[in-house]
C-alpha atoms as a PDB file:
ATOM      1  CA  MET A   1      -0.007  -0.004  -0.005  1.00  0.00           C
ATOM      2  CA  ASP A   2       1.644   3.250  -1.162  1.00  0.00           C
ATOM      3  CA  ASN A   3      -0.477   5.718   0.809  1.00  0.00           C
ATOM      4  CA  PRO A   4      -1.901   4.308   4.020  1.00  0.00           C
ATOM      5  CA  GLY A   5      -3.874   7.541   4.570  1.00  0.00           C
ATOM      6  CA  ILE A   6      -5.063   8.840   7.892  1.00  0.00           C
ATOM      7  CA  THR A   7      -6.020   5.420   9.265  1.00  0.00           C
ATOM      8  CA  LEU A   8      -2.479   4.238  10.142  1.00  0.00           C
ATOM      9  CA  GLU A   9      -1.859   5.791  13.573  1.00  0.00           C
ATOM     10  CA  THR A  10       1.783   4.639  13.726  1.00  0.00           C
ATOM     11  CA  GLU A  11       2.773   6.993  10.903  1.00  0.00           C
ATOM     12  CA  PRO A  12       4.856  10.064  11.899  1.00  0.00           C
ATOM     13  CA  TYR A  13       2.251  12.546  10.656  1.00  0.00           C
ATOM     14  CA  PHE A  14       0.176  11.846  13.772  1.00  0.00           C
ATOM     15  CA  LYS A  15       2.978  12.906  16.135  1.00  0.00           C
ATOM     16  CA  ASN A  16       2.313  16.226  17.915  1.00  0.00           C
ATOM     17  CA  GLY A  17       0.300  17.669  15.011  1.00  0.00           C
ATOM     18  CA  LEU A  18       3.467  18.313  13.049  1.00  0.00           C
ATOM     19  CA  TRP A  19       2.017  17.010   9.773  1.00  0.00           C
ATOM     20  CA  GLY A  20      -0.910  18.174   7.656  1.00  0.00           C
ATOM     21  CA  TRP A  21      -2.831  16.875   4.677  1.00  0.00           C
ATOM     22  CA  ASP A  22      -2.523  19.199   1.661  1.00  0.00           C
ATOM     23  CA  GLY A  23      -5.259  17.464  -0.322  1.00  0.00           C
ATOM     24  CA  SER A  24      -2.948  15.025  -2.058  1.00  0.00           C
ATOM     25  CA  GLN A  25      -0.346  13.896   0.473  1.00  0.00           C
ATOM     26  CA  TRP A  26       0.844  14.305   4.042  1.00  0.00           C
ATOM     27  CA  ARG A  27       3.488  17.027   4.436  1.00  0.00           C
ATOM     28  CA  LYS A  28       5.425  18.256   7.460  1.00  0.00           C
ATOM     29  CA  ASN A  29       3.927  21.603   8.522  1.00  0.00           C
ATOM     30  CA  ASN A  30       6.315  24.548   8.463  1.00  0.00           C
ATOM     31  CA  LEU A  31       4.279  26.572  10.956  1.00  0.00           C
ATOM     32  CA  ILE A  32       2.464  25.343  14.027  1.00  0.00           C
ATOM     33  CA  TRP A  33       0.369  27.762  16.066  1.00  0.00           C
ATOM     34  CA  SER A  34      -2.199  27.440  18.752  1.00  0.00           C
ATOM     35  CA  TYR A  35      -4.554  29.447  20.941  1.00  0.00           C
ATOM     36  CA  HIS A  36      -2.647  31.051  23.786  1.00  0.00           C
ATOM     37  CA  SER A  37      -5.060  33.374  25.607  1.00  0.00           C
ATOM     38  CA  ARG A  38      -7.579  36.189  25.282  1.00  0.00           C
ATOM     39  CA  TYR A  39      -6.336  39.559  24.158  1.00  0.00           C
ATOM     40  CA  VAL A  40      -7.965  42.562  25.815  1.00  0.00           C
ATOM     41  CA  GLU A  41      -6.325  45.946  26.174  1.00  0.00           C
ATOM     42  CA  ASN A  42      -7.826  49.131  27.640  1.00  0.00           C
ATOM     43  CA  LEU A  43      -7.009  52.174  25.497  1.00  0.00           C
ATOM     44  CA  GLY A  44      -9.271  54.584  27.383  1.00  0.00           C
ATOM     45  CA  ASP A  45      -8.433  57.443  29.719  1.00  0.00           C
ATOM     46  CA  LEU A  46     -10.624  59.415  32.109  1.00  0.00           C
ATOM     47  CA  ASN A  47      -9.857  63.126  32.196  1.00  0.00           C
ATOM     48  CA  PRO A  48      -7.082  63.288  29.594  1.00  0.00           C
ATOM     49  CA  ALA A  49      -5.525  66.581  28.515  1.00  0.00           C
ATOM     50  CA  GLY A  50      -7.203  68.470  25.696  1.00  0.00           C
ATOM     51  CA  GLY A  51      -6.159  68.330  22.076  1.00  0.00           C
ATOM     52  CA  THR A  52      -5.795  65.108  20.115  1.00  0.00           C
ATOM     53  CA  TYR A  53      -6.560  61.919  22.012  1.00  0.00           C
ATOM     54  CA  GLN A  54      -4.481  59.092  20.662  1.00  0.00           C
ATOM     55  CA  LYS A  55      -3.698  55.704  22.220  1.00  0.00           C
ATOM     56  CA  THR A  56      -1.636  52.943  20.679  1.00  0.00           C
ATOM     57  CA  SER A  57      -2.003  49.306  21.605  1.00  0.00           C
ATOM     58  CA  THR A  58       0.979  47.264  22.643  1.00  0.00           C
ATOM     59  CA  ALA A  59       2.866  45.932  19.622  1.00  0.00           C
ATOM     60  CA  VAL A  60       2.534  42.190  19.020  1.00  0.00           C
ATOM     61  CA  PRO A  61       5.637  40.441  20.396  1.00  0.00           C
ATOM     62  CA  ASP A  62       7.781  37.976  18.410  1.00  0.00           C
ATOM     63  CA  GLY A  63       6.408  34.448  18.430  1.00  0.00           C
ATOM     64  CA  TYR A  64       2.762  35.575  18.449  1.00  0.00           C
ATOM     65  CA  VAL A  65      -0.053  36.482  16.092  1.00  0.00           C
ATOM     66  CA  TYR A  66      -2.991  38.448  17.523  1.00  0.00           C
ATOM     67  CA  VAL A  67      -6.405  38.014  15.970  1.00  0.00           C
ATOM     68  CA  VAL A  68      -8.377  41.188  16.721  1.00  0.00           C
ATOM     69  CA  ASN A  69     -12.166  40.838  16.792  1.00  0.00           C
ATOM     70  CA  GLY A  70     -13.066  44.381  17.815  1.00  0.00           C
ATOM     71  CA  ILE A  71     -11.810  47.905  18.479  1.00  0.00           C
ATOM     72  CA  TYR A  72     -13.801  50.855  19.740  1.00  0.00           C
ATOM     73  CA  ILE A  73     -13.462  54.435  20.979  1.00  0.00           C
ATOM     74  CA  ALA A  74     -16.108  56.672  22.577  1.00  0.00           C
ATOM     75  CA  ASN A  75     -16.174  60.124  24.152  1.00  0.00           C
ATOM     76  CA  ALA A  76     -18.684  59.931  27.050  1.00  0.00           C
ATOM     77  CA  THR A  77     -18.530  63.682  27.688  1.00  0.00           C
ATOM     78  CA  ALA A  78     -19.288  65.372  24.381  1.00  0.00           C
ATOM     79  CA  ALA A  79     -19.455  64.929  20.623  1.00  0.00           C
ATOM     80  CA  ARG A  80     -16.119  66.130  19.312  1.00  0.00           C
ATOM     81  CA  ASP A  81     -14.176  66.100  16.072  1.00  0.00           C
ATOM     82  CA  THR A  82     -13.199  63.207  13.795  1.00  0.00           C
ATOM     83  CA  VAL A  83     -12.540  59.671  15.061  1.00  0.00           C
ATOM     84  CA  VAL A  84      -9.976  57.441  13.369  1.00  0.00           C
ATOM     85  CA  ILE A  85      -9.103  53.817  14.073  1.00  0.00           C
ATOM     86  CA  TYR A  86      -6.281  52.223  12.153  1.00  0.00           C
ATOM     87  CA  LEU A  87      -3.936  49.282  12.200  1.00  0.00           C
ATOM     88  CA  ALA A  88      -0.199  49.602  11.623  1.00  0.00           C
ATOM     89  CA  LEU A  89       0.775  46.492   9.646  1.00  0.00           C
ATOM     90  CA  ASN A  90       4.486  46.197   8.832  1.00  0.00           C
ATOM     91  CA  GLY A  91       4.779  49.965   9.332  1.00  0.00           C
ATOM     92  CA  VAL A  92       1.920  50.748   6.898  1.00  0.00           C
ATOM     93  CA  SER A  93      -1.229  52.416   8.233  1.00  0.00           C
ATOM     94  CA  CYS A  94      -4.416  50.608   7.260  1.00  0.00           C
ATOM     95  CA  PHE A  95      -7.503  52.629   8.135  1.00  0.00           C
ATOM     96  CA  VAL A  96     -10.443  50.574   9.353  1.00  0.00           C
ATOM     97  CA  LEU A  97     -12.718  53.424  10.525  1.00  0.00           C
ATOM     98  CA  TYR A  98     -12.933  57.140   9.780  1.00  0.00           C
ATOM     99  CA  ASN A  99     -15.898  59.042  11.222  1.00  0.00           C
ATOM    100  CA  VAL A 100     -16.164  62.815  10.874  1.00  0.00           C
ATOM    101  CA  ALA A 101     -19.356  63.034  12.970  1.00  0.00           C
ATOM    102  CA  PRO A 102     -19.082  60.988  16.189  1.00  0.00           C
ATOM    103  CA  VAL A 103     -21.989  61.067  18.651  1.00  0.00           C
ATOM    104  CA  VAL A 104     -21.497  61.661  22.371  1.00  0.00           C
ATOM    105  CA  GLY A 105     -21.349  58.409  24.318  1.00  0.00           C
ATOM    106  CA  VAL A 106     -21.864  56.213  21.221  1.00  0.00           C
ATOM    107  CA  PRO A 107     -18.850  54.049  20.495  1.00  0.00           C
ATOM    108  CA  ASP A 108     -17.251  54.112  17.074  1.00  0.00           C
ATOM    109  CA  LEU A 109     -16.848  50.366  16.713  1.00  0.00           C
ATOM    110  CA  VAL A 110     -15.023  48.101  14.283  1.00  0.00           C
ATOM    111  CA  LEU A 111     -15.802  44.375  14.315  1.00  0.00           C
ATOM    112  CA  GLY A 112     -14.154  41.749  12.170  1.00  0.00           C
ATOM    113  CA  SER A 113     -11.137  39.533  12.098  1.00  0.00           C
ATOM    114  CA  PHE A 114      -7.861  41.400  11.750  1.00  0.00           C
ATOM    115  CA  VAL A 115      -4.557  39.525  11.991  1.00  0.00           C
ATOM    116  CA  LEU A 116      -1.666  41.371  13.600  1.00  0.00           C
ATOM    117  CA  SER A 117       1.848  39.919  13.257  1.00  0.00           C
ATOM    118  CA  ALA A 118       4.973  40.698  15.282  1.00  0.00           C
ATOM    119  CA  GLY A 119       5.453  44.464  15.551  1.00  0.00           C
ATOM    120  CA  ASP A 120       1.925  45.361  14.387  1.00  0.00           C
ATOM    121  CA  TYR A 121      -0.413  47.477  16.557  1.00  0.00           C
ATOM    122  CA  ALA A 122      -3.673  49.388  16.556  1.00  0.00           C
ATOM    123  CA  VAL A 123      -4.270  53.110  17.112  1.00  0.00           C
ATOM    124  CA  VAL A 124      -7.458  54.926  18.230  1.00  0.00           C
ATOM    125  CA  THR A 125      -7.705  58.698  17.775  1.00  0.00           C
ATOM    126  CA  GLN A 126     -10.197  61.465  18.401  1.00  0.00           C
ATOM    127  CA  TYR A 127      -9.350  64.989  17.400  1.00  0.00           C
ATOM    128  CA  SER A 128     -10.176  68.197  19.304  1.00  0.00           C
ATOM    129  CA  ILE A 129     -11.144  66.775  22.674  1.00  0.00           C
ATOM    130  CA  GLU A 130     -11.246  69.011  25.697  1.00  0.00           C
ATOM    131  CA  ALA A 131      -9.436  68.487  28.987  1.00  0.00           C
ATOM    132  CA  GLY A 132     -11.580  66.320  31.226  1.00  0.00           C
ATOM    133  CA  ASP A 133     -13.414  64.432  28.491  1.00  0.00           C
ATOM    134  CA  ASP A 134     -13.932  60.808  29.534  1.00  0.00           C
ATOM    135  CA  MET A 135     -12.544  58.649  26.747  1.00  0.00           C
ATOM    136  CA  TYR A 136     -13.357  54.950  26.574  1.00  0.00           C
ATOM    137  CA  ALA A 137     -11.544  52.697  24.146  1.00  0.00           C
ATOM    138  CA  ALA A 138     -10.472  49.068  23.943  1.00  0.00           C
ATOM    139  CA  ILE A 139      -9.247  46.347  21.658  1.00  0.00           C
ATOM    140  CA  TRP A 140      -9.988  42.620  22.032  1.00  0.00           C
ATOM    141  CA  GLY A 141      -9.516  39.289  20.369  1.00  0.00           C
ATOM    142  CA  TYR A 142      -7.207  36.369  21.043  1.00  0.00           C
ATOM    143  CA  LYS A 143      -3.514  35.511  20.950  1.00  0.00           C
ATOM    144  CA  MET A 144      -2.054  32.691  18.899  1.00  0.00           C
ATOM    145  CA  GLN A 145       1.416  31.442  19.807  1.00  0.00           C
ATOM    146  CA  ILE A 146       3.728  30.220  17.093  1.00  0.00           C
ATOM    147  CA  ALA A 147       5.508  27.029  18.123  1.00  0.00           C
ATOM    148  CA  ALA A 148       9.275  27.069  17.835  1.00  0.00           C
END
């Protein structure tokens, strides 16, 4: 028998999930990753200084991939100027939300599935806030660890 298929449990492709079926044959995987933990980061600030409110998430560390499911920003005090949410992927800004007319207390929210690799991060911004505005913002998803 040339190709015993998935039924022969003594074959090496069953060991530690290091092999995968590509549709025609078993091959050793070159990248193994697995769920590590939840990813939640608070980007808000109560009573910040006036001007431009901008918070940057922590950059993804080496050996991880973060899958972001949501990002939001809200000014609970007043409706102010433009809101921008973007991702910095390999040093390139990728805008995911641009709202020129935010509403007081209503979050500007982005939902989806965004993959951040090592060094990538997210940024939330609202222009022309006043000192004392209560800013709420967060990013959440999950962390995947890349096996060495």
